[in-house]
Amino acid sequence: MQVEIGTDDIFIEARLLADLLRLDPAAVHSLLRAQEITSFCERGIGEHEGEYRLSFFYGNRRARLNIDPAGNVIRRSVIDFGPAALPRRLHRAGG
């Protein structure tokens, strides 16, 4: 499984995140610890109850994963601004 939902945590395989952010999987953990990769999690409500949207930021890229209650990835997206900085509005929930 690429995503595992725990009681208080959500675990994501480094390989999945590395692919989305165009990184070496071996670098993911150290970049997270150094807070060079940042993230936030949104919990679904209404018709999306039980689902989560996970957003990850690294440099000029934002990667998003929508996962169902079983931890299956139901949608993924990546925005890459190339040499330009990622706009601040994309660093917030729903952005």
N, C-alpha and C. Protein backbone atom coordinates (compact mmCIF):
# COMPACT_ATOMS: atom_id res chain seq x y z
N MET A 1 0.84 -1.18 0.00
CA MET A 1 0.00 0.00 0.00
C MET A 1 0.89 1.24 0.00
N GLN A 2 0.56 2.23 -0.81
CA GLN A 2 1.35 3.45 -0.90
C GLN A 2 1.02 4.44 0.20
N VAL A 3 -0.22 4.37 0.73
CA VAL A 3 -0.65 5.28 1.79
C VAL A 3 -1.34 4.45 2.86
N GLU A 4 -0.96 4.70 4.11
CA GLU A 4 -1.57 3.98 5.24
C GLU A 4 -2.10 5.02 6.23
N ILE A 5 -3.37 4.88 6.59
CA ILE A 5 -3.99 5.81 7.52
C ILE A 5 -3.96 5.18 8.91
N GLY A 6 -3.25 5.82 9.83
CA GLY A 6 -3.18 5.37 11.21
C GLY A 6 -4.16 6.15 12.07
N THR A 7 -4.14 5.89 13.36
CA THR A 7 -5.03 6.58 14.29
C THR A 7 -4.75 8.08 14.32
N ASP A 8 -3.48 8.44 14.40
CA ASP A 8 -3.10 9.85 14.48
C ASP A 8 -2.20 10.32 13.34
N ASP A 9 -1.83 9.43 12.45
CA ASP A 9 -0.89 9.76 11.39
C ASP A 9 -1.31 9.15 10.06
N ILE A 10 -0.80 9.72 9.00
CA ILE A 10 -0.94 9.15 7.67
C ILE A 10 0.48 8.92 7.15
N PHE A 11 0.76 7.70 6.73
CA PHE A 11 2.08 7.34 6.24
C PHE A 11 2.04 7.18 4.72
N ILE A 12 3.02 7.76 4.05
CA ILE A 12 3.10 7.72 2.59
C ILE A 12 4.45 7.16 2.20
N GLU A 13 4.46 6.24 1.26
CA GLU A 13 5.72 5.69 0.79
C GLU A 13 6.56 6.80 0.17
N ALA A 14 7.83 6.84 0.54
CA ALA A 14 8.74 7.86 0.02
C ALA A 14 8.80 7.84 -1.50
N ARG A 15 8.69 6.66 -2.07
CA ARG A 15 8.77 6.52 -3.53
C ARG A 15 7.65 7.29 -4.22
N LEU A 16 6.43 7.24 -3.65
CA LEU A 16 5.29 7.94 -4.23
C LEU A 16 5.52 9.45 -4.18
N LEU A 17 5.92 9.94 -3.03
CA LEU A 17 6.16 11.37 -2.87
C LEU A 17 7.33 11.83 -3.74
N ALA A 18 8.37 11.04 -3.80
CA ALA A 18 9.54 11.37 -4.62
C ALA A 18 9.15 11.49 -6.10
N ASP A 19 8.32 10.58 -6.57
CA ASP A 19 7.89 10.61 -7.96
C ASP A 19 7.12 11.90 -8.26
N LEU A 20 6.23 12.29 -7.36
CA LEU A 20 5.42 13.49 -7.57
C LEU A 20 6.26 14.77 -7.54
N LEU A 21 7.26 14.80 -6.66
CA LEU A 21 8.08 16.00 -6.49
C LEU A 21 9.38 15.95 -7.29
N ARG A 22 9.58 14.88 -8.07
CA ARG A 22 10.78 14.68 -8.89
C ARG A 22 12.05 14.69 -8.03
N LEU A 23 12.04 13.82 -7.04
CA LEU A 23 13.17 13.69 -6.11
C LEU A 23 13.66 12.25 -6.08
N ASP A 24 14.84 12.06 -5.55
CA ASP A 24 15.36 10.73 -5.26
C ASP A 24 14.63 10.23 -4.01
N PRO A 25 14.03 9.04 -4.04
CA PRO A 25 13.31 8.54 -2.87
C PRO A 25 14.15 8.53 -1.60
N ALA A 26 15.45 8.32 -1.72
CA ALA A 26 16.33 8.30 -0.55
C ALA A 26 16.44 9.68 0.11
N ALA A 27 16.13 10.74 -0.61
CA ALA A 27 16.25 12.10 -0.07
C ALA A 27 15.00 12.58 0.65
N VAL A 28 13.88 11.91 0.45
CA VAL A 28 12.60 12.40 0.97
C VAL A 28 12.61 12.58 2.48
N HIS A 29 13.04 11.59 3.23
CA HIS A 29 13.00 11.67 4.70
C HIS A 29 13.84 12.83 5.23
N SER A 30 15.03 13.02 4.70
CA SER A 30 15.88 14.11 5.19
C SER A 30 15.30 15.47 4.81
N LEU A 31 14.69 15.58 3.64
CA LEU A 31 14.07 16.85 3.23
C LEU A 31 12.85 17.17 4.10
N LEU A 32 12.10 16.15 4.50
CA LEU A 32 10.98 16.36 5.41
C LEU A 32 11.48 16.82 6.78
N ARG A 33 12.50 16.16 7.30
CA ARG A 33 13.06 16.53 8.61
C ARG A 33 13.61 17.95 8.59
N ALA A 34 14.22 18.34 7.49
CA ALA A 34 14.78 19.69 7.36
C ALA A 34 13.71 20.73 7.01
N GLN A 35 12.48 20.30 6.88
CA GLN A 35 11.33 21.13 6.52
C GLN A 35 11.51 21.82 5.18
N GLU A 36 12.25 21.17 4.29
CA GLU A 36 12.35 21.65 2.91
C GLU A 36 11.16 21.15 2.10
N ILE A 37 10.62 20.01 2.48
CA ILE A 37 9.31 19.56 1.99
C ILE A 37 8.34 19.89 3.11
N THR A 38 7.32 20.68 2.79
CA THR A 38 6.29 20.99 3.78
C THR A 38 4.98 20.40 3.31
N SER A 39 4.02 20.31 4.22
CA SER A 39 2.77 19.66 3.86
C SER A 39 1.64 20.10 4.77
N PHE A 40 0.42 19.81 4.33
CA PHE A 40 -0.74 19.88 5.20
C PHE A 40 -1.76 18.87 4.74
N CYS A 41 -2.69 18.58 5.63
CA CYS A 41 -3.71 17.55 5.39
C CYS A 41 -5.08 18.15 5.61
N GLU A 42 -6.00 17.87 4.68
CA GLU A 42 -7.39 18.30 4.81
C GLU A 42 -8.27 17.06 4.89
N ARG A 43 -9.24 17.10 5.80
CA ARG A 43 -10.16 15.99 5.98
C ARG A 43 -11.45 16.30 5.23
N GLY A 44 -11.95 15.33 4.46
CA GLY A 44 -13.16 15.53 3.69
C GLY A 44 -14.40 15.63 4.58
N ILE A 45 -15.38 16.40 4.11
CA ILE A 45 -16.67 16.51 4.80
C ILE A 45 -17.78 16.25 3.79
N GLY A 46 -18.98 16.04 4.31
CA GLY A 46 -20.12 15.80 3.43
C GLY A 46 -19.92 14.56 2.59
N GLU A 47 -20.07 14.70 1.28
CA GLU A 47 -19.93 13.54 0.38
C GLU A 47 -18.51 12.99 0.35
N HIS A 48 -17.54 13.75 0.86
CA HIS A 48 -16.14 13.31 0.89
C HIS A 48 -15.71 12.85 2.28
N GLU A 49 -16.66 12.64 3.17
CA GLU A 49 -16.36 12.17 4.53
C GLU A 49 -15.49 10.92 4.48
N GLY A 50 -14.45 10.90 5.29
CA GLY A 50 -13.54 9.76 5.34
C GLY A 50 -12.37 9.86 4.38
N GLU A 51 -12.44 10.78 3.43
CA GLU A 51 -11.34 10.99 2.49
C GLU A 51 -10.40 12.07 3.03
N TYR A 52 -9.19 12.10 2.50
CA TYR A 52 -8.20 13.11 2.87
C TYR A 52 -7.58 13.69 1.61
N ARG A 53 -7.20 14.96 1.70
CA ARG A 53 -6.41 15.58 0.64
C ARG A 53 -5.09 16.00 1.28
N LEU A 54 -4.01 15.45 0.77
CA LEU A 54 -2.67 15.72 1.29
C LEU A 54 -1.93 16.59 0.29
N SER A 55 -1.41 17.71 0.75
CA SER A 55 -0.67 18.63 -0.12
C SER A 55 0.77 18.70 0.35
N PHE A 56 1.70 18.61 -0.60
CA PHE A 56 3.13 18.65 -0.33
C PHE A 56 3.77 19.73 -1.19
N PHE A 57 4.71 20.46 -0.61
CA PHE A 57 5.37 21.56 -1.30
C PHE A 57 6.88 21.37 -1.25
N TYR A 58 7.50 21.54 -2.40
CA TYR A 58 8.96 21.50 -2.47
C TYR A 58 9.40 22.42 -3.60
N GLY A 59 10.16 23.44 -3.25
CA GLY A 59 10.61 24.39 -4.27
C GLY A 59 9.43 25.03 -4.98
N ASN A 60 9.39 24.86 -6.28
CA ASN A 60 8.33 25.47 -7.10
C ASN A 60 7.23 24.47 -7.46
N ARG A 61 7.12 23.37 -6.69
CA ARG A 61 6.14 22.32 -7.00
C ARG A 61 5.17 22.10 -5.85
N ARG A 62 3.92 21.85 -6.21
CA ARG A 62 2.92 21.39 -5.24
C ARG A 62 2.37 20.07 -5.75
N ALA A 63 2.39 19.07 -4.90
CA ALA A 63 1.81 17.76 -5.22
C ALA A 63 0.63 17.53 -4.29
N ARG A 64 -0.45 16.99 -4.84
CA ARG A 64 -1.63 16.68 -4.03
C ARG A 64 -2.05 15.24 -4.26
N LEU A 65 -2.46 14.62 -3.16
CA LEU A 65 -3.02 13.27 -3.21
C LEU A 65 -4.37 13.29 -2.52
N ASN A 66 -5.38 12.78 -3.19
CA ASN A 66 -6.66 12.53 -2.55
C ASN A 66 -6.72 11.04 -2.28
N ILE A 67 -7.02 10.69 -1.03
CA ILE A 67 -7.06 9.27 -0.67
C ILE A 67 -8.40 8.92 -0.05
N ASP A 68 -8.83 7.69 -0.29
CA ASP A 68 -10.08 7.22 0.29
C ASP A 68 -9.82 6.67 1.69
N PRO A 69 -10.88 6.28 2.42
CA PRO A 69 -10.70 5.80 3.79
C PRO A 69 -9.79 4.58 3.93
N ALA A 70 -9.63 3.81 2.86
CA ALA A 70 -8.77 2.62 2.90
C ALA A 70 -7.32 2.95 2.56
N GLY A 71 -7.03 4.20 2.22
CA GLY A 71 -5.67 4.59 1.87
C GLY A 71 -5.34 4.48 0.40
N ASN A 72 -6.34 4.24 -0.43
CA ASN A 72 -6.12 4.17 -1.88
C ASN A 72 -6.07 5.57 -2.47
N VAL A 73 -5.12 5.81 -3.35
CA VAL A 73 -5.03 7.10 -4.03
C VAL A 73 -6.13 7.15 -5.08
N ILE A 74 -7.02 8.13 -4.94
CA ILE A 74 -8.12 8.26 -5.91
C ILE A 74 -7.87 9.41 -6.89
N ARG A 75 -6.95 10.30 -6.54
CA ARG A 75 -6.61 11.40 -7.45
C ARG A 75 -5.23 11.92 -7.05
N ARG A 76 -4.47 12.30 -8.03
CA ARG A 76 -3.17 12.92 -7.77
C ARG A 76 -2.99 14.05 -8.76
N SER A 77 -2.31 15.09 -8.31
CA SER A 77 -2.03 16.21 -9.20
C SER A 77 -0.71 16.86 -8.79
N VAL A 78 -0.09 17.50 -9.77
CA VAL A 78 1.16 18.22 -9.53
C VAL A 78 1.10 19.53 -10.30
N ILE A 79 1.50 20.59 -9.63
CA ILE A 79 1.68 21.89 -10.29
C ILE A 79 3.15 22.22 -10.19
N ASP A 80 3.76 22.54 -11.33
CA ASP A 80 5.18 22.88 -11.38
C ASP A 80 5.30 24.22 -12.08
N PHE A 81 5.83 25.21 -11.38
CA PHE A 81 5.97 26.54 -11.95
C PHE A 81 7.32 26.77 -12.61
N GLY A 82 8.06 25.70 -12.86
CA GLY A 82 9.35 25.83 -13.53
C GLY A 82 10.27 26.76 -12.77
N PRO A 83 10.86 27.74 -13.45
CA PRO A 83 11.79 28.64 -12.77
C PRO A 83 11.09 29.68 -11.88
N ALA A 84 9.79 29.85 -12.02
CA ALA A 84 9.06 30.84 -11.22
C ALA A 84 8.71 30.26 -9.85
N ALA A 85 8.54 31.13 -8.88
CA ALA A 85 8.15 30.70 -7.54
C ALA A 85 6.69 30.27 -7.53
N LEU A 86 6.38 29.31 -6.70
CA LEU A 86 5.00 28.86 -6.51
C LEU A 86 4.22 29.99 -5.84
N PRO A 87 3.09 30.43 -6.41
CA PRO A 87 2.32 31.52 -5.81
C PRO A 87 1.86 31.18 -4.39
N ARG A 88 1.86 32.17 -3.51
CA ARG A 88 1.45 31.97 -2.11
C ARG A 88 0.05 31.39 -2.00
N ARG A 89 -0.86 31.76 -2.89
CA ARG A 89 -2.24 31.27 -2.80
C ARG A 89 -2.32 29.76 -2.94
N LEU A 90 -1.33 29.13 -3.54
CA LEU A 90 -1.34 27.68 -3.69
C LEU A 90 -0.81 26.97 -2.45
N HIS A 91 -0.38 27.73 -1.45
CA HIS A 91 0.14 27.15 -0.21
C HIS A 91 -0.93 27.07 0.88
N ARG A 92 -2.19 27.22 0.53
CA ARG A 92 -3.23 27.17 1.56
C ARG A 92 -4.30 26.16 1.17
N ALA A 93 -5.08 25.79 2.16
CA ALA A 93 -6.14 24.80 1.95
C ALA A 93 -7.09 25.28 0.87
N GLY A 94 -7.47 24.36 0.00
CA GLY A 94 -8.41 24.68 -1.06
C GLY A 94 -7.83 25.49 -2.20
N GLY A 95 -6.57 25.92 -2.08
CA GLY A 95 -5.94 26.79 -3.08
C GLY A 95 -5.53 26.07 -4.32
